Protein backbone atom coordinates (compact mmCIF):
# COMPACT_ATOMS: atom_id res chain seq x y z
CA UNK A 1 116.88 92.67 105.27
CA UNK A 2 113.03 92.00 105.13
CA UNK A 3 111.76 88.80 106.55
CA UNK A 4 110.59 86.40 103.71
CA UNK A 5 106.91 85.76 103.72
CA UNK A 6 105.40 83.45 106.50
CA UNK A 7 102.39 81.36 106.12
CA UNK A 8 101.20 80.08 109.63
CA UNK A 9 98.88 76.87 109.71
CA UNK A 10 96.82 76.97 112.71
CA UNK A 11 93.56 76.03 114.39
CA UNK A 12 91.58 77.94 116.63
CA UNK A 13 91.03 75.50 119.40
CA UNK A 14 94.69 73.94 119.49
CA UNK A 15 96.80 75.03 122.60
CA UNK A 16 100.05 74.19 120.67
CA UNK A 17 99.15 76.52 117.85
CA UNK A 18 98.07 78.96 120.20
CA UNK A 19 101.59 79.22 121.79
CA UNK A 20 102.95 80.22 118.25
CA UNK A 21 100.07 82.57 117.72
CA UNK A 22 101.09 84.36 121.10
CA UNK A 23 104.73 84.57 119.87
CA UNK A 24 103.89 86.08 116.49
CA UNK A 25 101.66 88.59 117.99
CA UNK A 26 104.07 89.61 120.71
CA UNK A 27 106.76 90.01 118.10
CA UNK A 28 104.52 92.04 115.78
CA UNK A 29 104.95 89.77 112.93
CA UNK A 30 103.33 89.99 109.54
CA UNK A 31 102.08 86.48 108.75
CA UNK A 32 99.33 84.85 106.75
CA UNK A 33 97.22 82.72 109.02
CA UNK A 34 95.34 79.61 107.52
CA UNK A 35 92.89 77.70 109.60
CA UNK A 36 93.06 73.96 109.40
CA UNK A 37 89.96 72.06 110.44
CA UNK A 38 91.51 69.12 112.52
CA UNK A 39 88.48 67.13 112.10
CA UNK A 40 88.29 67.41 108.42
CA UNK A 41 91.91 68.15 107.27
CA UNK A 42 92.41 68.86 103.60
CA UNK A 43 94.31 66.30 101.80
CA UNK A 44 96.82 68.58 100.41
CA UNK A 45 97.93 69.71 103.94
CA UNK A 46 100.03 66.58 104.78
CA UNK A 47 101.19 66.45 101.18
CA UNK A 48 102.39 70.07 100.91
CA UNK A 49 103.03 71.41 104.29
CA UNK A 50 103.18 69.06 107.39
CA UNK A 51 103.46 65.12 106.51
CA UNK A 52 102.33 64.63 110.12
CA UNK A 53 98.98 66.57 109.42
CA UNK A 54 99.15 68.24 112.67
CA UNK A 55 99.26 72.17 113.48
CA UNK A 56 100.98 74.35 113.96
CA UNK A 57 103.11 74.45 111.03
CA UNK A 58 104.54 77.27 108.90
CA UNK A 59 105.98 77.90 105.31
CA UNK A 60 108.90 80.32 105.37
CA UNK A 61 109.68 81.86 101.85
CA UNK A 62 106.64 81.33 99.93
CA UNK A 63 104.00 83.74 98.51
CA UNK A 64 101.41 84.46 100.93
CA UNK A 65 98.79 84.83 98.12
CA UNK A 66 98.19 81.03 98.01
CA UNK A 67 98.57 79.02 101.24
CA UNK A 68 97.12 75.86 99.62
CA UNK A 69 99.98 75.71 97.20
CA UNK A 70 103.20 76.80 98.98
CA UNK A 71 106.21 76.89 96.86
CA UNK A 72 108.11 73.59 96.79
CA UNK A 73 111.41 75.48 97.42
CA UNK A 74 110.21 77.07 100.72
CA UNK A 75 111.01 75.85 104.14
CA UNK A 76 108.38 73.80 106.05
CA UNK A 77 108.55 73.92 109.83
CA UNK A 78 106.50 72.17 112.49
CA UNK A 79 106.10 71.45 116.25
CA UNK A 80 105.29 74.27 118.49
CA UNK A 81 108.42 74.37 120.61
CA UNK A 82 110.60 74.49 117.65
CA UNK A 83 108.37 77.20 116.06
CA UNK A 84 108.54 79.23 119.25
CA UNK A 85 112.40 79.23 119.01
CA UNK A 86 112.24 80.02 115.30
CA UNK A 87 110.04 82.98 115.87
CA UNK A 88 112.29 84.40 118.53
CA UNK A 89 115.15 83.95 116.23
CA UNK A 90 113.49 85.66 113.40
CA UNK A 91 112.60 88.66 115.63
CA UNK A 92 115.58 89.02 118.19
CA UNK A 93 114.36 92.46 119.30
CA UNK A 94 111.16 91.24 120.51
CA UNK A 95 112.65 89.83 123.59
CA UNK A 96 111.13 86.36 123.14
CA UNK A 97 114.45 85.05 124.08
CA UNK A 98 116.62 86.97 126.43
CA UNK A 99 120.06 88.00 125.17
CA UNK A 100 121.50 86.99 128.62
CA UNK A 101 122.66 83.24 128.25
CA UNK A 102 121.68 82.47 131.94
CA UNK A 103 118.18 83.73 131.23
CA UNK A 104 117.96 81.93 127.91
CA UNK A 105 118.94 78.76 129.96
CA UNK A 106 116.20 79.49 132.46
CA UNK A 107 113.78 79.97 129.63
CA UNK A 108 114.71 76.45 128.17
CA UNK A 109 114.64 74.79 131.51
CA UNK A 110 111.07 76.23 132.28
CA UNK A 111 109.76 74.71 128.95
CA UNK A 112 111.43 71.44 129.54
CA UNK A 113 109.70 71.05 132.91
CA UNK A 114 106.48 72.08 131.48
CA UNK A 115 106.79 69.62 128.65
CA UNK A 116 108.16 66.69 130.45
CA UNK A 117 106.65 66.97 134.02
CA UNK A 118 103.28 68.76 133.63
CA UNK A 119 101.55 67.35 130.54
CA UNK A 120 101.12 63.77 131.41
CA UNK A 121 99.19 64.49 134.68
CA UNK A 122 97.28 67.18 133.00
CA UNK A 123 96.11 64.77 130.34
CA UNK A 124 95.43 62.01 132.95
CA UNK A 125 93.36 64.26 134.88
CA UNK A 126 91.36 66.26 132.24
CA UNK A 127 91.00 63.58 129.56
CA UNK A 128 91.12 60.24 131.37
CA UNK A 129 89.39 61.31 134.49
CA UNK A 130 92.20 60.20 137.03
CA UNK A 131 92.39 61.85 140.50
CA UNK A 132 93.50 65.45 140.59
CA UNK A 133 96.36 64.88 142.93
CA UNK A 134 99.18 64.31 140.59
CA UNK A 135 98.15 67.25 138.40
CA UNK A 136 97.96 69.65 141.28
CA UNK A 137 101.32 68.59 142.54
CA UNK A 138 102.96 68.98 139.09
CA UNK A 139 101.40 72.45 138.82
CA UNK A 140 103.01 73.37 142.29
CA UNK A 141 106.51 72.05 141.10
CA UNK A 142 106.13 74.20 137.86
CA UNK A 143 105.12 77.23 140.01
CA UNK A 144 108.43 76.88 141.90
CA UNK A 145 110.32 77.87 138.65
CA UNK A 146 108.32 81.05 138.09
CA UNK A 147 110.32 84.14 138.82
CA UNK A 148 109.23 85.80 142.13
CA UNK A 149 107.29 88.59 140.06
CA UNK A 150 106.42 89.39 136.48
CA UNK A 151 106.42 86.51 133.86
CA UNK A 152 107.72 83.03 133.87
CA UNK A 153 111.49 83.96 133.94
CA UNK A 154 111.48 87.79 134.71
CA UNK A 155 109.87 91.04 133.83
CA UNK A 156 109.50 90.48 129.98
CA UNK A 157 107.25 87.98 128.10
CA UNK A 158 109.24 85.19 126.63
CA UNK A 159 108.74 81.91 124.74
CA UNK A 160 108.38 80.41 128.33
CA UNK A 161 105.37 82.18 128.79
CA UNK A 162 104.16 81.32 125.33
CA UNK A 163 104.65 77.72 126.01
CA UNK A 164 102.58 77.69 129.15
CA UNK A 165 99.89 80.33 128.80
CA UNK A 166 97.53 78.64 126.65
CA UNK A 167 97.21 75.62 128.84
CA UNK A 168 96.74 77.72 132.07
CA UNK A 169 94.08 79.53 130.17
CA UNK A 170 92.22 76.37 129.35
CA UNK A 171 92.62 74.94 132.89
CA UNK A 172 91.05 77.95 134.42
CA UNK A 173 88.11 77.99 131.92
CA UNK A 174 87.32 74.26 131.85
CA UNK A 175 87.80 73.78 135.84
CA UNK A 176 85.63 76.71 136.40
CA UNK A 177 82.85 75.37 133.96
CA UNK A 178 83.35 71.75 135.34
CA UNK A 179 84.27 70.36 131.87
CA UNK A 180 86.47 67.35 131.95
CA UNK A 181 86.60 63.71 132.29
CA UNK A 182 86.83 63.67 135.96
CA UNK A 183 83.85 63.24 138.29
CA UNK A 184 81.13 66.05 138.14
CA UNK A 185 81.94 68.72 140.86
CA UNK A 186 85.75 68.13 140.70
CA UNK A 187 86.47 70.96 138.48
CA UNK A 188 85.19 73.80 140.68
CA UNK A 189 87.03 72.24 143.57
CA UNK A 190 90.31 72.19 141.76
CA UNK A 191 89.69 75.56 140.39
CA UNK A 192 89.38 77.02 143.90
CA UNK A 193 92.74 75.40 144.80
CA UNK A 194 94.62 76.47 141.82
CA UNK A 195 93.16 79.92 141.23
CA UNK A 196 91.87 81.19 144.57
CA UNK A 197 94.00 79.54 147.23
CA UNK A 198 97.06 81.13 148.91
CA UNK A 199 99.02 78.05 147.79
CA UNK A 200 99.03 78.97 144.26
CA UNK A 201 99.19 82.81 144.57
CA UNK A 202 102.19 83.08 142.20
CA UNK A 203 100.60 81.06 139.70
CA UNK A 204 97.38 83.28 139.87
CA UNK A 205 99.55 86.31 139.43
CA UNK A 206 101.31 84.98 136.33
CA UNK A 207 97.92 84.14 134.96
CA UNK A 208 96.65 87.70 135.60
CA UNK A 209 99.83 89.13 133.92
CA UNK A 210 99.50 87.00 130.89
CA UNK A 211 95.56 87.25 130.54
CA UNK A 212 95.98 91.02 130.68
CA UNK A 213 98.10 91.14 127.55
CA UNK A 214 96.56 92.19 124.21
CA UNK A 215 98.17 89.11 122.41
CA UNK A 216 96.17 86.78 124.68
CA UNK A 217 92.95 88.71 124.64
CA UNK A 218 92.74 88.60 120.98
CA UNK A 219 93.74 84.89 120.67
CA UNK A 220 91.82 83.22 123.51
CA UNK A 221 88.13 82.77 122.53
CA UNK A 222 86.48 81.38 125.80
CA UNK A 223 83.15 80.53 124.17
CA UNK A 224 84.52 78.68 121.23
CA UNK A 225 86.90 76.75 123.57
CA UNK A 226 84.24 75.90 125.87
CA UNK A 227 82.02 74.65 123.30
CA UNK A 228 84.59 72.57 121.63
CA UNK A 229 85.86 71.16 125.08
CA UNK A 230 82.19 70.05 125.86
CA UNK A 231 81.86 68.48 122.52
CA UNK A 232 84.95 66.54 122.77
CA UNK A 233 84.57 65.43 126.41
CA UNK A 234 80.80 64.96 126.39
CA UNK A 235 79.87 67.20 129.07
């Protein structure tokens, strides 16, 4: 049975939307993408798609010809981690969720760790300018959950990889260019530790594996992301 039409509401700079973009590309899904300007969101978006006004969101089962007027009977879904599971369920042959229940549990544990232990120190360091120590230690704890080789939980790309990859890519880019609320010069120093030191060799291999995939290459616009970050952060 054919999958109903999908309209994917996204925004080029949003790492949460990037998660779902990676999943769709890895699944080979045929979706209609609609870019939402998060600084100037259209009034109809909250009314007809996502009451929270955020991306990512999708409409399932409405004609792709008119994203601004999705069918009232269609299903509207939001929140990146929910959408990752939804895409994996829609395309079970993609491998985005392993068939083995133990591996599925590992995928979910990895995502839970990323969500609950990594993001607060990440925000504190990059966007509030706090010392990098807690962020670096949180990355070290997350690195412990990476499988010895390959991707997050094994030799196949899963939604665990999609959940983390957009953020690791942005860390690497922003630290290398010293873009953040932290003191000038801090970025390259932390970049050296995370992306060049032996302590984080597994993270570096993970990033190399992820960033070499076509789904990542076609969805990660470094010039746009760097420009947007500089405008937001003011440096």
